[in-house]
């Protein structure tokens, strides 16, 4: 009987509307490390809004961006480079508007096996 092997590299795109409550947007799965290649938020509204973007490890939130103001019809890159998210670690986001802030990221998940 053949044993299924884990895929070595899996690319994912994550999109969501940023809400008024903190939500998890990505958690690195068991046996994988996620490499965040891109993370950005666009403000499609007519007023300046703010966002906070966090990394969580062992139940502790580490701010990456805190209360970043994004002008109307503008986009903010949340990372200056790549970010490694180890198995079980996660990313979360929260904003000051429940409809106008749009998040997108590109993730490369690579097998730890």
PDB file of N, CA and C in Angstrom:
ATOM      1  N   UNK A   1       0.832  -1.172   0.000  1.00  0.00           N
ATOM      2  CA  UNK A   1       0.000   0.000   0.000  1.00  0.00           C
ATOM      3  C   UNK A   1       0.881   1.241   0.000  1.00  0.00           C
ATOM      4  N   UNK A   2       0.580   2.185  -0.870  1.00  0.00           N
ATOM      5  CA  UNK A   2       1.360   3.417  -0.981  1.00  0.00           C
ATOM      6  C   UNK A   2       0.999   4.370   0.150  1.00  0.00           C
ATOM      7  N   UNK A   3       1.996   5.051   0.656  1.00  0.00           N
ATOM      8  CA  UNK A   3       1.798   6.040   1.703  1.00  0.00           C
ATOM      9  C   UNK A   3       1.799   7.421   1.061  1.00  0.00           C
ATOM     10  N   UNK A   4       0.760   8.207   1.371  1.00  0.00           N
ATOM     11  CA  UNK A   4       0.686   9.561   0.815  1.00  0.00           C
ATOM     12  C   UNK A   4       1.794  10.422   1.403  1.00  0.00           C
ATOM     13  N   UNK A   5       2.456  11.174   0.537  1.00  0.00           N
ATOM     14  CA  UNK A   5       3.515  12.060   0.984  1.00  0.00           C
ATOM     15  C   UNK A   5       2.993  13.495   1.031  1.00  0.00           C
ATOM     16  N   UNK A   6       3.510  14.236   1.961  1.00  0.00           N
ATOM     17  CA  UNK A   6       3.127  15.643   2.073  1.00  0.00           C
ATOM     18  C   UNK A   6       3.697  16.409   0.881  1.00  0.00           C
ATOM     19  N   UNK A   7       2.944  17.388   0.412  1.00  0.00           N
ATOM     20  CA  UNK A   7       3.465  18.244  -0.640  1.00  0.00           C
ATOM     21  C   UNK A   7       4.594  19.074  -0.056  1.00  0.00           C
ATOM     22  N   UNK A   8       5.664  19.224  -0.820  1.00  0.00           N
ATOM     23  CA  UNK A   8       6.822  19.949  -0.324  1.00  0.00           C
ATOM     24  C   UNK A   8       6.541  21.442  -0.254  1.00  0.00           C
ATOM     25  N   UNK A   9       5.983  22.019  -1.310  1.00  0.00           N
ATOM     26  CA  UNK A   9       5.698  23.450  -1.357  1.00  0.00           C
ATOM     27  C   UNK A   9       4.271  23.675  -1.832  1.00  0.00           C
ATOM     28  N   UNK A  10       3.533  24.486  -1.099  1.00  0.00           N
ATOM     29  CA  UNK A  10       2.157  24.825  -1.460  1.00  0.00           C
ATOM     30  C   UNK A  10       2.027  26.352  -1.389  1.00  0.00           C
ATOM     31  N   UNK A  11       1.588  26.960  -2.483  1.00  0.00           N
ATOM     32  CA  UNK A  11       1.351  28.402  -2.500  1.00  0.00           C
ATOM     33  C   UNK A  11      -0.119  28.673  -2.204  1.00  0.00           C
ATOM     34  N   UNK A  12      -0.375  29.697  -1.384  1.00  0.00           N
ATOM     35  CA  UNK A  12      -1.740  30.067  -1.037  1.00  0.00           C
ATOM     36  C   UNK A  12      -1.895  31.577  -1.118  1.00  0.00           C
ATOM     37  N   UNK A  13      -3.106  32.001  -1.462  1.00  0.00           N
ATOM     38  CA  UNK A  13      -3.475  33.410  -1.404  1.00  0.00           C
ATOM     39  C   UNK A  13      -4.595  33.531  -0.378  1.00  0.00           C
ATOM     40  N   UNK A  14      -4.442  34.459   0.548  1.00  0.00           N
ATOM     41  CA  UNK A  14      -5.441  34.672   1.587  1.00  0.00           C
ATOM     42  C   UNK A  14      -6.020  36.060   1.396  1.00  0.00           C
ATOM     43  N   UNK A  15      -7.346  36.146   1.348  1.00  0.00           N
ATOM     44  CA  UNK A  15      -8.015  37.438   1.256  1.00  0.00           C
ATOM     45  C   UNK A  15      -9.121  37.495   2.298  1.00  0.00           C
ATOM     46  N   UNK A  16      -9.325  38.682   2.847  1.00  0.00           N
ATOM     47  CA  UNK A  16     -10.406  38.879   3.813  1.00  0.00           C
ATOM     48  C   UNK A  16     -10.687  40.368   3.964  1.00  0.00           C
ATOM     49  N   UNK A  17     -11.893  40.666   4.397  1.00  0.00           N
ATOM     50  CA  UNK A  17     -12.219  42.029   4.798  1.00  0.00           C
ATOM     51  C   UNK A  17     -11.866  42.155   6.271  1.00  0.00           C
ATOM     52  N   UNK A  18     -11.066  43.158   6.599  1.00  0.00           N
ATOM     53  CA  UNK A  18     -10.627  43.366   7.975  1.00  0.00           C
ATOM     54  C   UNK A  18     -11.808  43.872   8.789  1.00  0.00           C
ATOM     55  N   UNK A  19     -12.010  43.293   9.959  1.00  0.00           N
ATOM     56  CA  UNK A  19     -13.146  43.667  10.790  1.00  0.00           C
ATOM     57  C   UNK A  19     -12.767  44.491  11.995  1.00  0.00           C
ATOM     58  N   UNK A  20     -13.769  44.761  12.807  1.00  0.00           N
ATOM     59  CA  UNK A  20     -13.586  45.545  14.032  1.00  0.00           C
ATOM     60  C   UNK A  20     -13.099  44.697  15.197  1.00  0.00           C
ATOM     61  N   UNK A  21     -13.154  43.386  15.053  1.00  0.00           N
ATOM     62  CA  UNK A  21     -12.660  42.457  16.071  1.00  0.00           C
ATOM     63  C   UNK A  21     -11.436  41.734  15.523  1.00  0.00           C
ATOM     64  N   UNK A  22     -10.488  41.452  16.390  1.00  0.00           N
ATOM     65  CA  UNK A  22      -9.276  40.747  15.977  1.00  0.00           C
ATOM     66  C   UNK A  22      -9.635  39.349  15.496  1.00  0.00           C
ATOM     67  N   UNK A  23      -9.144  38.987  14.302  1.00  0.00           N
ATOM     68  CA  UNK A  23      -9.387  37.661  13.747  1.00  0.00           C
ATOM     69  C   UNK A  23      -8.074  37.050  13.271  1.00  0.00           C
ATOM     70  N   UNK A  24      -7.979  35.743  13.423  1.00  0.00           N
ATOM     71  CA  UNK A  24      -6.833  35.015  12.886  1.00  0.00           C
ATOM     72  C   UNK A  24      -6.977  34.899  11.380  1.00  0.00           C
ATOM     73  N   UNK A  25      -5.919  35.214  10.665  1.00  0.00           N
ATOM     74  CA  UNK A  25      -5.988  35.136   9.209  1.00  0.00           C
ATOM     75  C   UNK A  25      -5.131  34.020   8.639  1.00  0.00           C
ATOM     76  N   UNK A  26      -4.163  33.532   9.442  1.00  0.00           N
ATOM     77  CA  UNK A  26      -3.342  32.420   8.979  1.00  0.00           C
ATOM     78  C   UNK A  26      -2.705  31.739  10.176  1.00  0.00           C
ATOM     79  N   UNK A  27      -2.725  30.399  10.161  1.00  0.00           N
ATOM     80  CA  UNK A  27      -2.002  29.587  11.131  1.00  0.00           C
ATOM     81  C   UNK A  27      -1.207  28.551  10.354  1.00  0.00           C
ATOM     82  N   UNK A  28       0.084  28.452  10.608  1.00  0.00           N
ATOM     83  CA  UNK A  28       0.909  27.457   9.921  1.00  0.00           C
ATOM     84  C   UNK A  28       0.476  26.059  10.369  1.00  0.00           C
ATOM     85  N   UNK A  29       0.134  25.194   9.409  1.00  0.00           N
ATOM     86  CA  UNK A  29      -0.345  23.858   9.770  1.00  0.00           C
ATOM     87  C   UNK A  29       0.763  22.969  10.337  1.00  0.00           C
ATOM     88  N   UNK A  30       0.342  21.874  10.959  1.00  0.00           N
ATOM     89  CA  UNK A  30       1.274  20.885  11.499  1.00  0.00           C
ATOM     90  C   UNK A  30       2.174  20.385  10.379  1.00  0.00           C
ATOM     91  N   UNK A  31       3.462  20.315  10.656  1.00  0.00           N
ATOM     92  CA  UNK A  31       4.495  19.824   9.744  1.00  0.00           C
ATOM     93  C   UNK A  31       4.810  20.779   8.598  1.00  0.00           C
ATOM     94  N   UNK A  32       4.344  22.026   8.691  1.00  0.00           N
ATOM     95  CA  UNK A  32       4.650  23.027   7.661  1.00  0.00           C
ATOM     96  C   UNK A  32       5.134  24.318   8.302  1.00  0.00           C
ATOM     97  N   UNK A  33       5.957  25.028   7.571  1.00  0.00           N
ATOM     98  CA  UNK A  33       6.340  26.389   7.906  1.00  0.00           C
ATOM     99  C   UNK A  33       5.778  27.275   6.815  1.00  0.00           C
ATOM    100  N   UNK A  34       5.129  28.364   7.213  1.00  0.00           N
ATOM    101  CA  UNK A  34       4.600  29.305   6.235  1.00  0.00           C
ATOM    102  C   UNK A  34       5.559  30.469   6.059  1.00  0.00           C
ATOM    103  N   UNK A  35       5.806  30.825   4.815  1.00  0.00           N
ATOM    104  CA  UNK A  35       6.619  32.001   4.520  1.00  0.00           C
ATOM    105  C   UNK A  35       5.674  33.026   3.899  1.00  0.00           C
ATOM    106  N   UNK A  36       5.461  34.132   4.605  1.00  0.00           N
ATOM    107  CA  UNK A  36       4.572  35.180   4.112  1.00  0.00           C
ATOM    108  C   UNK A  36       5.385  36.018   3.129  1.00  0.00           C
ATOM    109  N   UNK A  37       4.993  35.972   1.870  1.00  0.00           N
ATOM    110  CA  UNK A  37       5.719  36.667   0.818  1.00  0.00           C
ATOM    111  C   UNK A  37       5.213  38.091   0.621  1.00  0.00           C
ATOM    112  N   UNK A  38       3.922  38.290   0.902  1.00  0.00           N
ATOM    113  CA  UNK A  38       3.282  39.590   0.718  1.00  0.00           C
ATOM    114  C   UNK A  38       2.153  39.696   1.723  1.00  0.00           C
ATOM    115  N   UNK A  39       1.986  40.861   2.314  1.00  0.00           N
ATOM    116  CA  UNK A  39       0.839  41.134   3.178  1.00  0.00           C
ATOM    117  C   UNK A  39       0.521  42.615   3.026  1.00  0.00           C
ATOM    118  N   UNK A  40      -0.679  42.906   2.550  1.00  0.00           N
ATOM    119  CA  UNK A  40      -1.053  44.308   2.399  1.00  0.00           C
ATOM    120  C   UNK A  40      -2.531  44.514   2.638  1.00  0.00           C
ATOM    121  N   UNK A  41      -2.879  45.761   2.975  1.00  0.00           N
ATOM    122  CA  UNK A  41      -4.262  46.153   3.220  1.00  0.00           C
ATOM    123  C   UNK A  41      -4.567  47.360   2.358  1.00  0.00           C
ATOM    124  N   UNK A  42      -5.731  47.339   1.712  1.00  0.00           N
ATOM    125  CA  UNK A  42      -6.201  48.462   0.914  1.00  0.00           C
ATOM    126  C   UNK A  42      -7.411  49.078   1.601  1.00  0.00           C
ATOM    127  N   UNK A  43      -7.433  50.392   1.657  1.00  0.00           N
ATOM    128  CA  UNK A  43      -8.572  51.129   2.205  1.00  0.00           C
ATOM    129  C   UNK A  43      -9.420  51.593   1.025  1.00  0.00           C
ATOM    130  N   UNK A  44     -10.569  50.962   0.842  1.00  0.00           N
ATOM    131  CA  UNK A  44     -11.452  51.309  -0.276  1.00  0.00           C
ATOM    132  C   UNK A  44     -12.459  52.386   0.092  1.00  0.00           C
ATOM    133  N   UNK A  45     -12.404  52.861   1.328  1.00  0.00           N
ATOM    134  CA  UNK A  45     -13.359  53.860   1.815  1.00  0.00           C
ATOM    135  C   UNK A  45     -12.934  55.288   1.527  1.00  0.00           C
ATOM    136  N   UNK A  46     -13.670  56.221   2.119  1.00  0.00           N
ATOM    137  CA  UNK A  46     -13.439  57.650   1.880  1.00  0.00           C
ATOM    138  C   UNK A  46     -12.832  58.374   3.082  1.00  0.00           C
ATOM    139  N   UNK A  47     -12.499  57.619   4.154  1.00  0.00           N
ATOM    140  CA  UNK A  47     -11.851  58.224   5.319  1.00  0.00           C
ATOM    141  C   UNK A  47     -10.629  57.392   5.715  1.00  0.00           C
ATOM    142  N   UNK A  48      -9.682  58.021   6.389  1.00  0.00           N
ATOM    143  CA  UNK A  48      -8.499  57.310   6.865  1.00  0.00           C
ATOM    144  C   UNK A  48      -8.915  56.307   7.942  1.00  0.00           C
ATOM    145  N   UNK A  49      -8.416  55.085   7.833  1.00  0.00           N
ATOM    146  CA  UNK A  49      -8.683  54.019   8.799  1.00  0.00           C
ATOM    147  C   UNK A  49      -7.348  53.479   9.299  1.00  0.00           C
ATOM    148  N   UNK A  50      -7.367  52.790  10.440  1.00  0.00           N
ATOM    149  CA  UNK A  50      -6.130  52.202  10.972  1.00  0.00           C
ATOM    150  C   UNK A  50      -6.280  50.689  11.105  1.00  0.00           C
ATOM    151  N   UNK A  51      -5.128  50.006  11.079  1.00  0.00           N
ATOM    152  CA  UNK A  51      -5.106  48.552  11.272  1.00  0.00           C
ATOM    153  C   UNK A  51      -3.956  48.196  12.211  1.00  0.00           C
ATOM    154  N   UNK A  52      -4.112  47.034  12.841  1.00  0.00           N
ATOM    155  CA  UNK A  52      -3.042  46.429  13.633  1.00  0.00           C
ATOM    156  C   UNK A  52      -2.890  44.990  13.146  1.00  0.00           C
ATOM    157  N   UNK A  53      -1.644  44.546  12.999  1.00  0.00           N
ATOM    158  CA  UNK A  53      -1.299  43.248  12.421  1.00  0.00           C
ATOM    159  C   UNK A  53      -0.331  42.584  13.389  1.00  0.00           C
ATOM    160  N   UNK A  54      -0.657  41.368  13.863  1.00  0.00           N
ATOM    161  CA  UNK A  54       0.122  40.716  14.924  1.00  0.00           C
ATOM    162  C   UNK A  54       0.574  39.315  14.546  1.00  0.00           C
ATOM    163  N   UNK A  55       1.690  38.917  15.138  1.00  0.00           N
ATOM    164  CA  UNK A  55       2.218  37.558  15.064  1.00  0.00           C
ATOM    165  C   UNK A  55       1.984  36.928  16.428  1.00  0.00           C
ATOM    166  N   UNK A  56       1.458  35.705  16.451  1.00  0.00           N
ATOM    167  CA  UNK A  56       1.184  35.029  17.731  1.00  0.00           C
ATOM    168  C   UNK A  56       2.012  33.750  17.822  1.00  0.00           C
ATOM    169  N   UNK A  57       2.747  33.665  18.954  1.00  0.00           N
ATOM    170  CA  UNK A  57       3.533  32.466  19.248  1.00  0.00           C
ATOM    171  C   UNK A  57       3.303  32.111  20.707  1.00  0.00           C
ATOM    172  N   UNK A  58       2.949  30.862  20.960  1.00  0.00           N
ATOM    173  CA  UNK A  58       2.738  30.370  22.328  1.00  0.00           C
ATOM    174  C   UNK A  58       1.778  31.259  23.111  1.00  0.00           C
ATOM    175  N   UNK A  59       0.722  31.742  22.451  1.00  0.00           N
ATOM    176  CA  UNK A  59      -0.297  32.542  23.110  1.00  0.00           C
ATOM    177  C   UNK A  59       0.070  33.999  23.344  1.00  0.00           C
ATOM    178  N   UNK A  60       1.232  34.418  22.854  1.00  0.00           N
ATOM    179  CA  UNK A  60       1.678  35.800  23.039  1.00  0.00           C
ATOM    180  C   UNK A  60       1.644  36.530  21.697  1.00  0.00           C
ATOM    181  N   UNK A  61       0.937  37.674  21.667  1.00  0.00           N
ATOM    182  CA  UNK A  61       0.872  38.489  20.452  1.00  0.00           C
ATOM    183  C   UNK A  61       2.063  39.423  20.378  1.00  0.00           C
ATOM    184  N   UNK A  62       2.688  39.449  19.220  1.00  0.00           N
ATOM    185  CA  UNK A  62       3.818  40.338  18.958  1.00  0.00           C
ATOM    186  C   UNK A  62       3.394  41.278  17.839  1.00  0.00           C
ATOM    187  N   UNK A  63       3.272  42.578  18.115  1.00  0.00           N
ATOM    188  CA  UNK A  63       2.828  43.510  17.077  1.00  0.00           C
ATOM    189  C   UNK A  63       3.843  43.617  15.936  1.00  0.00           C
ATOM    190  N   UNK A  64       3.341  43.530  14.725  1.00  0.00           N
ATOM    191  CA  UNK A  64       4.150  43.797  13.537  1.00  0.00           C
ATOM    192  C   UNK A  64       3.883  45.232  13.096  1.00  0.00           C
ATOM    193  N   UNK A  65       2.605  45.573  13.055  1.00  0.00           N
ATOM    194  CA  UNK A  65       2.160  46.935  12.742  1.00  0.00           C
ATOM    195  C   UNK A  65       1.062  47.261  13.740  1.00  0.00           C
ATOM    196  N   UNK A  66       1.150  48.430  14.368  1.00  0.00           N
ATOM    197  CA  UNK A  66       0.155  48.799  15.367  1.00  0.00           C
ATOM    198  C   UNK A  66      -0.442  50.165  15.037  1.00  0.00           C
ATOM    199  N   UNK A  67      -1.760  50.195  14.884  1.00  0.00           N
ATOM    200  CA  UNK A  67      -2.494  51.433  14.595  1.00  0.00           C
ATOM    201  C   UNK A  67      -1.921  52.181  13.391  1.00  0.00           C
ATOM    202  N   UNK A  68      -1.673  51.447  12.317  1.00  0.00           N
ATOM    203  CA  UNK A  68      -1.155  52.046  11.084  1.00  0.00           C
ATOM    204  C   UNK A  68      -2.286  52.747  10.340  1.00  0.00           C
ATOM    205  N   UNK A  69      -2.126  54.030  10.090  1.00  0.00           N
ATOM    206  CA  UNK A  69      -3.140  54.804   9.368  1.00  0.00           C
ATOM    207  C   UNK A  69      -3.002  54.561   7.873  1.00  0.00           C
ATOM    208  N   UNK A  70      -4.145  54.253   7.236  1.00  0.00           N
ATOM    209  CA  UNK A  70      -4.179  54.063   5.784  1.00  0.00           C
ATOM    210  C   UNK A  70      -5.162  55.073   5.214  1.00  0.00           C
ATOM    211  N   UNK A  71      -4.665  56.022   4.415  1.00  0.00           N
ATOM    212  CA  UNK A  71      -5.548  57.039   3.831  1.00  0.00           C
ATOM    213  C   UNK A  71      -6.569  56.408   2.874  1.00  0.00           C
ATOM    214  N   UNK A  72      -7.652  57.136   2.566  1.00  0.00           N
ATOM    215  CA  UNK A  72      -8.649  56.612   1.623  1.00  0.00           C
ATOM    216  C   UNK A  72      -8.030  56.312   0.267  1.00  0.00           C
ATOM    217  N   UNK A  73      -8.517  55.250  -0.351  1.00  0.00           N
ATOM    218  CA  UNK A  73      -8.057  54.823  -1.685  1.00  0.00           C
ATOM    219  C   UNK A  73      -6.552  54.597  -1.733  1.00  0.00           C
ATOM    220  N   UNK A  74      -5.979  54.062  -0.656  1.00  0.00           N
ATOM    221  CA  UNK A  74      -4.549  53.801  -0.594  1.00  0.00           C
ATOM    222  C   UNK A  74      -4.310  52.384  -0.079  1.00  0.00           C
ATOM    223  N   UNK A  75      -3.077  51.913  -0.263  1.00  0.00           N
ATOM    224  CA  UNK A  75      -2.685  50.573   0.156  1.00  0.00           C
ATOM    225  C   UNK A  75      -1.444  50.650   1.025  1.00  0.00           C
ATOM    226  N   UNK A  76      -1.383  49.798   2.052  1.00  0.00           N
ATOM    227  CA  UNK A  76      -0.203  49.733   2.921  1.00  0.00           C
ATOM    228  C   UNK A  76       0.376  48.331   2.882  1.00  0.00           C
ATOM    229  N   UNK A  77       1.690  48.246   2.657  1.00  0.00           N
ATOM    230  CA  UNK A  77       2.388  46.980   2.771  1.00  0.00           C
ATOM    231  C   UNK A  77       2.722  46.768   4.241  1.00  0.00           C
ATOM    232  N   UNK A  78       2.347  45.609   4.776  1.00  0.00           N
ATOM    233  CA  UNK A  78       2.501  45.348   6.201  1.00  0.00           C
ATOM    234  C   UNK A  78       3.842  44.743   6.568  1.00  0.00           C
ATOM    235  N   UNK A  79       4.571  44.235   5.575  1.00  0.00           N
ATOM    236  CA  UNK A  79       5.874  43.630   5.815  1.00  0.00           C
ATOM    237  C   UNK A  79       6.919  44.268   4.909  1.00  0.00           C
ATOM    238  N   UNK A  80       8.102  44.504   5.456  1.00  0.00           N
ATOM    239  CA  UNK A  80       9.196  45.045   4.643  1.00  0.00           C
ATOM    240  C   UNK A  80       9.912  43.929   3.883  1.00  0.00           C
ATOM    241  N   UNK A  81       9.717  42.705   4.313  1.00  0.00           N
ATOM    242  CA  UNK A  81      10.339  41.535   3.676  1.00  0.00           C
ATOM    243  C   UNK A  81       9.489  40.321   3.953  1.00  0.00           C
ATOM    244  N   UNK A  82      10.089  39.162   3.899  1.00  0.00           N
ATOM    245  CA  UNK A  82       9.367  37.919   4.151  1.00  0.00           C
ATOM    246  C   UNK A  82       9.279  37.670   5.663  1.00  0.00           C
ATOM    247  N   UNK A  83       8.253  36.910   6.056  1.00  0.00           N
ATOM    248  CA  UNK A  83       8.057  36.555   7.464  1.00  0.00           C
ATOM    249  C   UNK A  83       7.852  35.051   7.555  1.00  0.00           C
ATOM    250  N   UNK A  84       8.625  34.381   8.403  1.00  0.00           N
ATOM    251  CA  UNK A  84       8.499  32.939   8.626  1.00  0.00           C
ATOM    252  C   UNK A  84       7.517  32.712   9.765  1.00  0.00           C
ATOM    253  N   UNK A  85       6.501  31.876   9.507  1.00  0.00           N
ATOM    254  CA  UNK A  85       5.508  31.516  10.517  1.00  0.00           C
ATOM    255  C   UNK A  85       5.660  30.016  10.764  1.00  0.00           C
ATOM    256  N   UNK A  86       6.157  29.673  11.937  1.00  0.00           N
ATOM    257  CA  UNK A  86       6.418  28.274  12.256  1.00  0.00           C
ATOM    258  C   UNK A  86       5.138  27.540  12.629  1.00  0.00           C
ATOM    259  N   UNK A  87       5.184  26.218  12.557  1.00  0.00           N
ATOM    260  CA  UNK A  87       4.028  25.370  12.860  1.00  0.00           C
ATOM    261  C   UNK A  87       3.323  25.834  14.129  1.00  0.00           C
ATOM    262  N   UNK A  88       2.009  26.068  14.016  1.00  0.00           N
ATOM    263  CA  UNK A  88       1.193  26.472  15.155  1.00  0.00           C
ATOM    264  C   UNK A  88       1.168  27.961  15.430  1.00  0.00           C
ATOM    265  N   UNK A  89       2.117  28.709  14.889  1.00  0.00           N
ATOM    266  CA  UNK A  89       2.121  30.163  15.047  1.00  0.00           C
ATOM    267  C   UNK A  89       1.103  30.762  14.091  1.00  0.00           C
ATOM    268  N   UNK A  90       0.654  31.988  14.373  1.00  0.00           N
ATOM    269  CA  UNK A  90      -0.412  32.557  13.546  1.00  0.00           C
ATOM    270  C   UNK A  90      -0.277  34.061  13.372  1.00  0.00           C
ATOM    271  N   UNK A  91      -1.077  34.591  12.460  1.00  0.00           N
ATOM    272  CA  UNK A  91      -1.180  36.016  12.195  1.00  0.00           C
ATOM    273  C   UNK A  91      -2.608  36.455  12.445  1.00  0.00           C
ATOM    274  N   UNK A  92      -2.771  37.668  12.982  1.00  0.00           N
ATOM    275  CA  UNK A  92      -4.118  38.206  13.189  1.00  0.00           C
ATOM    276  C   UNK A  92      -4.127  39.671  12.781  1.00  0.00           C
ATOM    277  N   UNK A  93      -5.348  40.176  12.543  1.00  0.00           N
ATOM    278  CA  UNK A  93      -5.501  41.556  12.097  1.00  0.00           C
ATOM    279  C   UNK A  93      -6.795  42.136  12.649  1.00  0.00           C
ATOM    280  N   UNK A  94      -6.801  43.452  12.855  1.00  0.00           N
ATOM    281  CA  UNK A  94      -7.993  44.163  13.298  1.00  0.00           C
ATOM    282  C   UNK A  94      -7.923  45.571  12.729  1.00  0.00           C
ATOM    283  N   UNK A  95      -9.086  46.143  12.435  1.00  0.00           N
ATOM    284  CA  UNK A  95      -9.128  47.494  11.879  1.00  0.00           C
ATOM    285  C   UNK A  95     -10.170  48.363  12.557  1.00  0.00           C
ATOM    286  N   UNK A  96     -10.274  49.593  12.058  1.00  0.00           N
ATOM    287  CA  UNK A  96     -11.239  50.543  12.614  1.00  0.00           C
ATOM    288  C   UNK A  96     -12.489  50.662  11.764  1.00  0.00           C
ATOM    289  N   UNK A  97     -12.623  49.792  10.762  1.00  0.00           N
ATOM    290  CA  UNK A  97     -13.791  49.816   9.892  1.00  0.00           C
ATOM    291  C   UNK A  97     -14.099  48.385   9.491  1.00  0.00           C
ATOM    292  N   UNK A  98     -15.357  48.015   9.472  1.00  0.00           N
ATOM    293  CA  UNK A  98     -15.730  46.629   9.195  1.00  0.00           C
ATOM    294  C   UNK A  98     -16.001  46.310   7.736  1.00  0.00           C
ATOM    295  N   UNK A  99     -15.871  47.279   6.830  1.00  0.00           N
ATOM    296  CA  UNK A  99     -16.191  47.005   5.429  1.00  0.00           C
ATOM    297  C   UNK A  99     -15.154  47.511   4.430  1.00  0.00           C
ATOM    298  N   UNK A 100     -14.378  48.536   4.774  1.00  0.00           N
ATOM    299  CA  UNK A 100     -13.543  49.218   3.789  1.00  0.00           C
ATOM    300  C   UNK A 100     -12.094  48.757   3.720  1.00  0.00           C
ATOM    301  N   UNK A 101     -11.648  47.952   4.667  1.00  0.00           N
ATOM    302  CA  UNK A 101     -10.255  47.516   4.691  1.00  0.00           C
ATOM    303  C   UNK A 101     -10.151  46.089   4.152  1.00  0.00           C
ATOM    304  N   UNK A 102      -9.419  45.930   3.048  1.00  0.00           N
ATOM    305  CA  UNK A 102      -9.288  44.633   2.374  1.00  0.00           C
ATOM    306  C   UNK A 102      -7.855  44.129   2.508  1.00  0.00           C
ATOM    307  N   UNK A 103      -7.719  42.906   3.032  1.00  0.00           N
ATOM    308  CA  UNK A 103      -6.409  42.281   3.265  1.00  0.00           C
ATOM    309  C   UNK A 103      -6.135  41.238   2.194  1.00  0.00           C
ATOM    310  N   UNK A 104      -4.871  41.160   1.751  1.00  0.00           N
ATOM    311  CA  UNK A 104      -4.437  40.093   0.851  1.00  0.00           C
ATOM    312  C   UNK A 104      -3.022  39.688   1.228  1.00  0.00           C
ATOM    313  N   UNK A 105      -2.754  38.398   1.164  1.00  0.00           N
ATOM    314  CA  UNK A 105      -1.391  37.924   1.387  1.00  0.00           C
ATOM    315  C   UNK A 105      -1.109  36.716   0.510  1.00  0.00           C
ATOM    316  N   UNK A 106       0.175  36.520   0.252  1.00  0.00           N
ATOM    317  CA  UNK A 106       0.667  35.351  -0.469  1.00  0.00           C
ATOM    318  C   UNK A 106       1.535  34.563   0.488  1.00  0.00           C
ATOM    319  N   UNK A 107       1.274  33.261   0.583  1.00  0.00           N
ATOM    320  CA  UNK A 107       1.977  32.401   1.539  1.00  0.00           C
ATOM    321  C   UNK A 107       2.571  31.206   0.796  1.00  0.00           C
ATOM    322  N   UNK A 108       3.801  30.884   1.110  1.00  0.00           N
ATOM    323  CA  UNK A 108       4.425  29.650   0.654  1.00  0.00           C
ATOM    324  C   UNK A 108       4.529  28.735   1.862  1.00  0.00           C
ATOM    325  N   UNK A 109       3.809  27.631   1.842  1.00  0.00           N
ATOM    326  CA  UNK A 109       3.921  26.633   2.907  1.00  0.00           C
ATOM    327  C   UNK A 109       4.909  25.578   2.439  1.00  0.00           C
ATOM    328  N   UNK A 110       5.901  25.322   3.278  1.00  0.00           N
ATOM    329  CA  UNK A 110       6.911  24.323   2.929  1.00  0.00           C
ATOM    330  C   UNK A 110       6.946  23.241   3.995  1.00  0.00           C
ATOM    331  N   UNK A 111       7.049  22.006   3.560  1.00  0.00           N
ATOM    332  CA  UNK A 111       7.007  20.861   4.467  1.00  0.00           C
ATOM    333  C   UNK A 111       8.234  20.807   5.372  1.00  0.00           C
ATOM    334  N   UNK A 112       7.996  20.474   6.635  1.00  0.00           N
ATOM    335  CA  UNK A 112       9.093  20.290   7.591  1.00  0.00           C
ATOM    336  C   UNK A 112       9.578  18.830   7.629  1.00  0.00           C
ATOM    337  N   UNK A 113       8.939  17.971   6.845  1.00  0.00           N
ATOM    338  CA  UNK A 113       9.294  16.552   6.879  1.00  0.00           C
ATOM    339  C   UNK A 113      10.425  16.229   5.951  1.00  0.00           C
TER     340      UNK A 113
END
